[in-house]
Amino acid sequence: MVLILSPFASSSPDGLEKVAQAKGFSHKGEQWSLWHYAPMRDYAIPWIKNEMVSTAFSGMIGILAIFLLILGFGQLVRKRSKT
């Protein structure tokens, strides 16, 4: 589903970005050093030139990463409850 719908997501800023821009403090968030090293900054994969394809695959990778984190956490909880 994410592969089909994510390319049609709005490129307009979300609510938090819009408020930050309106109030004049959006530059402070951009200065935070951790985001400069984010692997898929702005929901894009740098080596894929087609923006729609890049957005779709970055969404799919994000969902897969969250799924694997939750699966791993579930395994840890399961092991702990057995001991």
PDB file of N, CA and C in Angstrom:
ATOM      1  N   MET A   1       0.819  -1.183   0.000  1.00  0.00           N
ATOM      2  CA  MET A   1       0.000   0.000   0.000  1.00  0.00           C
ATOM      3  C   MET A   1       0.872   1.260   0.000  1.00  0.00           C
ATOM      4  N   VAL A   2       1.960   1.220   0.812  1.00  0.00           N
ATOM      5  CA  VAL A   2       2.830   2.387   0.880  1.00  0.00           C
ATOM      6  C   VAL A   2       3.494   2.671  -0.461  1.00  0.00           C
ATOM      7  N   LEU A   3       3.804   1.638  -1.217  1.00  0.00           N
ATOM      8  CA  LEU A   3       4.412   1.837  -2.533  1.00  0.00           C
ATOM      9  C   LEU A   3       3.470   2.543  -3.494  1.00  0.00           C
ATOM     10  N   ILE A   4       2.187   2.338  -3.318  1.00  0.00           N
ATOM     11  CA  ILE A   4       1.206   2.927  -4.217  1.00  0.00           C
ATOM     12  C   ILE A   4       0.844   4.358  -3.801  1.00  0.00           C
ATOM     13  N   LEU A   5       0.643   4.589  -2.503  1.00  0.00           N
ATOM     14  CA  LEU A   5       0.133   5.883  -2.049  1.00  0.00           C
ATOM     15  C   LEU A   5       1.200   6.920  -1.720  1.00  0.00           C
ATOM     16  N   SER A   6       2.376   6.503  -1.274  1.00  0.00           N
ATOM     17  CA  SER A   6       3.370   7.488  -0.841  1.00  0.00           C
ATOM     18  C   SER A   6       3.833   8.446  -1.928  1.00  0.00           C
ATOM     19  N   PRO A   7       3.921   8.041  -3.193  1.00  0.00           N
ATOM     20  CA  PRO A   7       4.330   9.030  -4.200  1.00  0.00           C
ATOM     21  C   PRO A   7       3.346  10.185  -4.363  1.00  0.00           C
ATOM     22  N   PHE A   8       2.131  10.013  -3.900  1.00  0.00           N
ATOM     23  CA  PHE A   8       1.122  11.063  -4.031  1.00  0.00           C
ATOM     24  C   PHE A   8       1.019  11.945  -2.792  1.00  0.00           C
ATOM     25  N   ALA A   9       1.926  11.751  -1.838  1.00  0.00           N
ATOM     26  CA  ALA A   9       1.914  12.570  -0.628  1.00  0.00           C
ATOM     27  C   ALA A   9       2.225  14.023  -0.980  1.00  0.00           C
ATOM     28  N   SER A  10       1.673  14.917  -0.223  1.00  0.00           N
ATOM     29  CA  SER A  10       1.864  16.343  -0.477  1.00  0.00           C
ATOM     30  C   SER A  10       3.311  16.745  -0.217  1.00  0.00           C
ATOM     31  N   SER A  11       3.835  17.598  -1.066  1.00  0.00           N
ATOM     32  CA  SER A  11       5.186  18.110  -0.853  1.00  0.00           C
ATOM     33  C   SER A  11       5.165  19.374   0.001  1.00  0.00           C
ATOM     34  N   SER A  12       3.980  19.826   0.377  1.00  0.00           N
ATOM     35  CA  SER A  12       3.860  20.991   1.253  1.00  0.00           C
ATOM     36  C   SER A  12       4.323  20.627   2.659  1.00  0.00           C
ATOM     37  N   PRO A  13       4.802  21.613   3.416  1.00  0.00           N
ATOM     38  CA  PRO A  13       5.262  21.306   4.776  1.00  0.00           C
ATOM     39  C   PRO A  13       4.109  20.805   5.654  1.00  0.00           C
ATOM     40  N   ASP A  14       4.435  19.901   6.585  1.00  0.00           N
ATOM     41  CA  ASP A  14       3.403  19.420   7.500  1.00  0.00           C
ATOM     42  C   ASP A  14       3.106  20.504   8.534  1.00  0.00           C
ATOM     43  N   GLY A  15       2.215  20.222   9.470  1.00  0.00           N
ATOM     44  CA  GLY A  15       1.775  21.221  10.434  1.00  0.00           C
ATOM     45  C   GLY A  15       2.897  21.808  11.264  1.00  0.00           C
ATOM     46  N   LEU A  16       3.787  20.968  11.774  1.00  0.00           N
ATOM     47  CA  LEU A  16       4.885  21.464  12.602  1.00  0.00           C
ATOM     48  C   LEU A  16       5.847  22.328  11.793  1.00  0.00           C
ATOM     49  N   GLU A  17       6.172  21.898  10.582  1.00  0.00           N
ATOM     50  CA  GLU A  17       7.059  22.690   9.724  1.00  0.00           C
ATOM     51  C   GLU A  17       6.431  24.035   9.372  1.00  0.00           C
ATOM     52  N   LYS A  18       5.145  24.019   9.101  1.00  0.00           N
ATOM     53  CA  LYS A  18       4.448  25.249   8.715  1.00  0.00           C
ATOM     54  C   LYS A  18       4.439  26.257   9.864  1.00  0.00           C
ATOM     55  N   VAL A  19       4.178  25.797  11.086  1.00  0.00           N
ATOM     56  CA  VAL A  19       4.187  26.680  12.250  1.00  0.00           C
ATOM     57  C   VAL A  19       5.598  27.211  12.488  1.00  0.00           C
ATOM     58  N   ALA A  20       6.597  26.351  12.373  1.00  0.00           N
ATOM     59  CA  ALA A  20       7.983  26.781  12.572  1.00  0.00           C
ATOM     60  C   ALA A  20       8.384  27.840  11.552  1.00  0.00           C
ATOM     61  N   GLN A  21       7.932  27.666  10.319  1.00  0.00           N
ATOM     62  CA  GLN A  21       8.226  28.663   9.294  1.00  0.00           C
ATOM     63  C   GLN A  21       7.488  29.967   9.565  1.00  0.00           C
ATOM     64  N   ALA A  22       6.223  29.858   9.971  1.00  0.00           N
ATOM     65  CA  ALA A  22       5.416  31.057  10.237  1.00  0.00           C
ATOM     66  C   ALA A  22       5.959  31.845  11.435  1.00  0.00           C
ATOM     67  N   LYS A  23       6.441  31.127  12.455  1.00  0.00           N
ATOM     68  CA  LYS A  23       6.950  31.785  13.663  1.00  0.00           C
ATOM     69  C   LYS A  23       8.428  32.154  13.552  1.00  0.00           C
ATOM     70  N   GLY A  24       9.071  31.709  12.472  1.00  0.00           N
ATOM     71  CA  GLY A  24      10.449  32.114  12.207  1.00  0.00           C
ATOM     72  C   GLY A  24      11.533  31.360  12.944  1.00  0.00           C
ATOM     73  N   PHE A  25      11.261  30.118  13.358  1.00  0.00           N
ATOM     74  CA  PHE A  25      12.314  29.360  14.028  1.00  0.00           C
ATOM     75  C   PHE A  25      12.624  28.032  13.331  1.00  0.00           C
ATOM     76  N   SER A  26      12.245  27.895  12.081  1.00  0.00           N
ATOM     77  CA  SER A  26      12.499  26.636  11.365  1.00  0.00           C
ATOM     78  C   SER A  26      13.986  26.388  11.155  1.00  0.00           C
ATOM     79  N   HIS A  27      14.773  27.449  11.073  1.00  0.00           N
ATOM     80  CA  HIS A  27      16.214  27.287  10.868  1.00  0.00           C
ATOM     81  C   HIS A  27      16.895  26.601  12.054  1.00  0.00           C
ATOM     82  N   LYS A  28      16.318  26.710  13.239  1.00  0.00           N
ATOM     83  CA  LYS A  28      16.911  26.076  14.420  1.00  0.00           C
ATOM     84  C   LYS A  28      16.867  24.557  14.319  1.00  0.00           C
ATOM     85  N   GLY A  29      15.799  24.015  13.774  1.00  0.00           N
ATOM     86  CA  GLY A  29      15.697  22.570  13.610  1.00  0.00           C
ATOM     87  C   GLY A  29      16.637  22.045  12.543  1.00  0.00           C
ATOM     88  N   GLU A  30      16.900  22.848  11.542  1.00  0.00           N
ATOM     89  CA  GLU A  30      17.801  22.428  10.473  1.00  0.00           C
ATOM     90  C   GLU A  30      19.250  22.418  10.928  1.00  0.00           C
ATOM     91  N   GLN A  31      19.553  23.126  11.985  1.00  0.00           N
ATOM     92  CA  GLN A  31      20.913  23.185  12.482  1.00  0.00           C
ATOM     93  C   GLN A  31      21.278  21.992  13.359  1.00  0.00           C
ATOM     94  N   TRP A  32      20.310  21.220  13.759  1.00  0.00           N
ATOM     95  CA  TRP A  32      20.582  20.076  14.625  1.00  0.00           C
ATOM     96  C   TRP A  32      21.405  19.070  13.862  1.00  0.00           C
ATOM     97  N   SER A  33      22.557  18.726  14.358  1.00  0.00           N
ATOM     98  CA  SER A  33      23.548  17.971  13.590  1.00  0.00           C
ATOM     99  C   SER A  33      23.129  16.537  13.259  1.00  0.00           C
ATOM    100  N   LEU A  34      22.308  15.901  14.060  1.00  0.00           N
ATOM    101  CA  LEU A  34      21.941  14.508  13.788  1.00  0.00           C
ATOM    102  C   LEU A  34      21.206  14.368  12.461  1.00  0.00           C
ATOM    103  N   TRP A  35      20.351  15.326  12.108  1.00  0.00           N
ATOM    104  CA  TRP A  35      19.579  15.232  10.873  1.00  0.00           C
ATOM    105  C   TRP A  35      20.442  15.361   9.632  1.00  0.00           C
ATOM    106  N   HIS A  36      21.603  15.953   9.755  1.00  0.00           N
ATOM    107  CA  HIS A  36      22.483  16.082   8.591  1.00  0.00           C
ATOM    108  C   HIS A  36      23.043  14.736   8.156  1.00  0.00           C
ATOM    109  N   TYR A  37      23.006  13.768   9.048  1.00  0.00           N
ATOM    110  CA  TYR A  37      23.541  12.440   8.748  1.00  0.00           C
ATOM    111  C   TYR A  37      22.450  11.383   8.619  1.00  0.00           C
ATOM    112  N   ALA A  38      21.208  11.802   8.537  1.00  0.00           N
ATOM    113  CA  ALA A  38      20.096  10.862   8.412  1.00  0.00           C
ATOM    114  C   ALA A  38      20.215  10.112   7.085  1.00  0.00           C
ATOM    115  N   PRO A  39      19.991   8.809   7.074  1.00  0.00           N
ATOM    116  CA  PRO A  39      20.175   8.038   5.845  1.00  0.00           C
ATOM    117  C   PRO A  39      19.175   8.373   4.739  1.00  0.00           C
ATOM    118  N   MET A  40      17.940   8.707   5.092  1.00  0.00           N
ATOM    119  CA  MET A  40      16.931   9.038   4.075  1.00  0.00           C
ATOM    120  C   MET A  40      16.299  10.380   4.424  1.00  0.00           C
ATOM    121  N   ARG A  41      17.098  11.393   4.400  1.00  0.00           N
ATOM    122  CA  ARG A  41      16.644  12.741   4.741  1.00  0.00           C
ATOM    123  C   ARG A  41      15.563  13.191   3.759  1.00  0.00           C
ATOM    124  N   ASP A  42      14.518  13.790   4.263  1.00  0.00           N
ATOM    125  CA  ASP A  42      13.382  14.268   3.465  1.00  0.00           C
ATOM    126  C   ASP A  42      12.695  13.152   2.690  1.00  0.00           C
ATOM    127  N   TYR A  43      12.675  11.944   3.252  1.00  0.00           N
ATOM    128  CA  TYR A  43      11.983  10.798   2.656  1.00  0.00           C
ATOM    129  C   TYR A  43      12.465  10.515   1.243  1.00  0.00           C
ATOM    130  N   ALA A  44      13.752  10.582   1.029  1.00  0.00           N
ATOM    131  CA  ALA A  44      14.309  10.350  -0.301  1.00  0.00           C
ATOM    132  C   ALA A  44      15.543   9.461  -0.201  1.00  0.00           C
ATOM    133  N   ILE A  45      15.735   8.661  -1.216  1.00  0.00           N
ATOM    134  CA  ILE A  45      16.936   7.843  -1.341  1.00  0.00           C
ATOM    135  C   ILE A  45      17.827   8.552  -2.360  1.00  0.00           C
ATOM    136  N   PRO A  46      19.007   8.993  -1.934  1.00  0.00           N
ATOM    137  CA  PRO A  46      19.822   9.867  -2.782  1.00  0.00           C
ATOM    138  C   PRO A  46      20.186   9.303  -4.160  1.00  0.00           C
ATOM    139  N   TRP A  47      20.404   8.007  -4.281  1.00  0.00           N
ATOM    140  CA  TRP A  47      20.852   7.449  -5.559  1.00  0.00           C
ATOM    141  C   TRP A  47      19.703   7.132  -6.515  1.00  0.00           C
ATOM    142  N   ILE A  48      18.456   7.305  -6.087  1.00  0.00           N
ATOM    143  CA  ILE A  48      17.311   7.136  -6.983  1.00  0.00           C
ATOM    144  C   ILE A  48      16.862   8.519  -7.432  1.00  0.00           C
ATOM    145  N   LYS A  49      16.962   8.785  -8.727  1.00  0.00           N
ATOM    146  CA  LYS A  49      16.690  10.128  -9.248  1.00  0.00           C
ATOM    147  C   LYS A  49      15.198  10.439  -9.380  1.00  0.00           C
ATOM    148  N   ASN A  50      14.366   9.444  -9.638  1.00  0.00           N
ATOM    149  CA  ASN A  50      12.929   9.658  -9.771  1.00  0.00           C
ATOM    150  C   ASN A  50      12.346   9.902  -8.379  1.00  0.00           C
ATOM    151  N   GLU A  51      11.779  11.093  -8.168  1.00  0.00           N
ATOM    152  CA  GLU A  51      11.292  11.477  -6.840  1.00  0.00           C
ATOM    153  C   GLU A  51      10.170  10.575  -6.335  1.00  0.00           C
ATOM    154  N   MET A  52       9.244  10.194  -7.210  1.00  0.00           N
ATOM    155  CA  MET A  52       8.126   9.349  -6.783  1.00  0.00           C
ATOM    156  C   MET A  52       8.608   7.961  -6.374  1.00  0.00           C
ATOM    157  N   VAL A  53       9.513   7.399  -7.135  1.00  0.00           N
ATOM    158  CA  VAL A  53      10.052   6.067  -6.815  1.00  0.00           C
ATOM    159  C   VAL A  53      10.873   6.141  -5.526  1.00  0.00           C
ATOM    160  N   SER A  54      11.665   7.190  -5.393  1.00  0.00           N
ATOM    161  CA  SER A  54      12.487   7.371  -4.199  1.00  0.00           C
ATOM    162  C   SER A  54      11.627   7.485  -2.945  1.00  0.00           C
ATOM    163  N   THR A  55      10.557   8.255  -3.021  1.00  0.00           N
ATOM    164  CA  THR A  55       9.640   8.403  -1.885  1.00  0.00           C
ATOM    165  C   THR A  55       8.974   7.079  -1.538  1.00  0.00           C
ATOM    166  N   ALA A  56       8.552   6.349  -2.549  1.00  0.00           N
ATOM    167  CA  ALA A  56       7.885   5.060  -2.311  1.00  0.00           C
ATOM    168  C   ALA A  56       8.830   4.078  -1.629  1.00  0.00           C
ATOM    169  N   PHE A  57      10.048   3.971  -2.129  1.00  0.00           N
ATOM    170  CA  PHE A  57      10.984   3.016  -1.543  1.00  0.00           C
ATOM    171  C   PHE A  57      11.467   3.446  -0.164  1.00  0.00           C
ATOM    172  N   SER A  58      11.616   4.743   0.076  1.00  0.00           N
ATOM    173  CA  SER A  58      12.018   5.175   1.410  1.00  0.00           C
ATOM    174  C   SER A  58      10.908   4.873   2.421  1.00  0.00           C
ATOM    175  N   GLY A  59       9.648   5.022   2.005  1.00  0.00           N
ATOM    176  CA  GLY A  59       8.537   4.653   2.871  1.00  0.00           C
ATOM    177  C   GLY A  59       8.524   3.165   3.173  1.00  0.00           C
ATOM    178  N   MET A  60       8.780   2.372   2.148  1.00  0.00           N
ATOM    179  CA  MET A  60       8.810   0.915   2.330  1.00  0.00           C
ATOM    180  C   MET A  60       9.967   0.505   3.252  1.00  0.00           C
ATOM    181  N   ILE A  61      11.117   1.123   3.079  1.00  0.00           N
ATOM    182  CA  ILE A  61      12.267   0.819   3.940  1.00  0.00           C
ATOM    183  C   ILE A  61      11.965   1.232   5.375  1.00  0.00           C
ATOM    184  N   GLY A  62      11.303   2.376   5.563  1.00  0.00           N
ATOM    185  CA  GLY A  62      10.937   2.822   6.906  1.00  0.00           C
ATOM    186  C   GLY A  62       9.981   1.864   7.590  1.00  0.00           C
ATOM    187  N   ILE A  63       8.992   1.415   6.866  1.00  0.00           N
ATOM    188  CA  ILE A  63       8.032   0.459   7.426  1.00  0.00           C
ATOM    189  C   ILE A  63       8.720  -0.854   7.770  1.00  0.00           C
ATOM    190  N   LEU A  64       9.593  -1.320   6.892  1.00  0.00           N
ATOM    191  CA  LEU A  64      10.336  -2.558   7.151  1.00  0.00           C
ATOM    192  C   LEU A  64      11.232  -2.410   8.380  1.00  0.00           C
ATOM    193  N   ALA A  65      11.890  -1.262   8.515  1.00  0.00           N
ATOM    194  CA  ALA A  65      12.761  -1.036   9.675  1.00  0.00           C
ATOM    195  C   ALA A  65      11.962  -1.053  10.977  1.00  0.00           C
ATOM    196  N   ILE A  66      10.819  -0.383  10.998  1.00  0.00           N
ATOM    197  CA  ILE A  66       9.980  -0.370  12.197  1.00  0.00           C
ATOM    198  C   ILE A  66       9.462  -1.775  12.507  1.00  0.00           C
ATOM    199  N   PHE A  67       9.063  -2.507  11.469  1.00  0.00           N
ATOM    200  CA  PHE A  67       8.590  -3.878  11.664  1.00  0.00           C
ATOM    201  C   PHE A  67       9.679  -4.740  12.301  1.00  0.00           C
ATOM    202  N   LEU A  68      10.907  -4.619  11.791  1.00  0.00           N
ATOM    203  CA  LEU A  68      12.006  -5.426  12.327  1.00  0.00           C
ATOM    204  C   LEU A  68      12.351  -5.020  13.759  1.00  0.00           C
ATOM    205  N   LEU A  69      12.285  -3.736  14.073  1.00  0.00           N
ATOM    206  CA  LEU A  69      12.521  -3.297  15.446  1.00  0.00           C
ATOM    207  C   LEU A  69      11.467  -3.855  16.395  1.00  0.00           C
ATOM    208  N   ILE A  70      10.219  -3.797  15.988  1.00  0.00           N
ATOM    209  CA  ILE A  70       9.136  -4.321  16.827  1.00  0.00           C
ATOM    210  C   ILE A  70       9.259  -5.835  16.976  1.00  0.00           C
ATOM    211  N   LEU A  71       9.607  -6.511  15.902  1.00  0.00           N
ATOM    212  CA  LEU A  71       9.797  -7.961  15.951  1.00  0.00           C
ATOM    213  C   LEU A  71      10.932  -8.320  16.917  1.00  0.00           C
ATOM    214  N   GLY A  72      12.036  -7.597  16.830  1.00  0.00           N
ATOM    215  CA  GLY A  72      13.160  -7.841  17.741  1.00  0.00           C
ATOM    216  C   GLY A  72      12.794  -7.564  19.183  1.00  0.00           C
ATOM    217  N   PHE A  73      12.072  -6.480  19.415  1.00  0.00           N
ATOM    218  CA  PHE A  73      11.630  -6.157  20.771  1.00  0.00           C
ATOM    219  C   PHE A  73      10.696  -7.241  21.302  1.00  0.00           C
ATOM    220  N   GLY A  74       9.815  -7.720  20.444  1.00  0.00           N
ATOM    221  CA  GLY A  74       8.906  -8.799  20.842  1.00  0.00           C
ATOM    222  C   GLY A  74       9.663 -10.068  21.219  1.00  0.00           C
ATOM    223  N   GLN A  75      10.708 -10.377  20.475  1.00  0.00           N
ATOM    224  CA  GLN A  75      11.531 -11.550  20.785  1.00  0.00           C
ATOM    225  C   GLN A  75      12.222 -11.390  22.138  1.00  0.00           C
ATOM    226  N   LEU A  76      12.721 -10.189  22.420  1.00  0.00           N
ATOM    227  CA  LEU A  76      13.363  -9.945  23.723  1.00  0.00           C
ATOM    228  C   LEU A  76      12.371 -10.104  24.865  1.00  0.00           C
ATOM    229  N   VAL A  77      11.190  -9.564  24.697  1.00  0.00           N
ATOM    230  CA  VAL A  77      10.169  -9.673  25.747  1.00  0.00           C
ATOM    231  C   VAL A  77       9.767 -11.121  25.924  1.00  0.00           C
ATOM    232  N   ARG A  78       9.647 -11.841  24.841  1.00  0.00           N
ATOM    233  CA  ARG A  78       9.264 -13.252  24.900  1.00  0.00           C
ATOM    234  C   ARG A  78      10.312 -14.086  25.623  1.00  0.00           C
ATOM    235  N   LYS A  79      11.588 -13.849  25.332  1.00  0.00           N
ATOM    236  CA  LYS A  79      12.669 -14.565  26.022  1.00  0.00           C
ATOM    237  C   LYS A  79      12.684 -14.247  27.504  1.00  0.00           C
ATOM    238  N   ARG A  80      12.454 -12.984  27.826  1.00  0.00           N
ATOM    239  CA  ARG A  80      12.471 -12.570  29.209  1.00  0.00           C
ATOM    240  C   ARG A  80      11.339 -13.180  30.012  1.00  0.00           C
ATOM    241  N   SER A  81      10.168 -13.300  29.388  1.00  0.00           N
ATOM    242  CA  SER A  81       9.021 -13.824  30.123  1.00  0.00           C
ATOM    243  C   SER A  81       9.149 -15.326  30.361  1.00  0.00           C
ATOM    244  N   LYS A  82       9.942 -16.017  29.532  1.00  0.00           N
ATOM    245  CA  LYS A  82      10.144 -17.454  29.722  1.00  0.00           C
ATOM    246  C   LYS A  82      11.109 -17.746  30.863  1.00  0.00           C
ATOM    247  N   THR A  83      12.008 -16.812  31.153  1.00  0.00           N
ATOM    248  CA  THR A  83      13.006 -17.075  32.203  1.00  0.00           C
ATOM    249  C   THR A  83      12.549 -16.619  33.558  1.00  0.00           C
TER     250      THR A  83
END
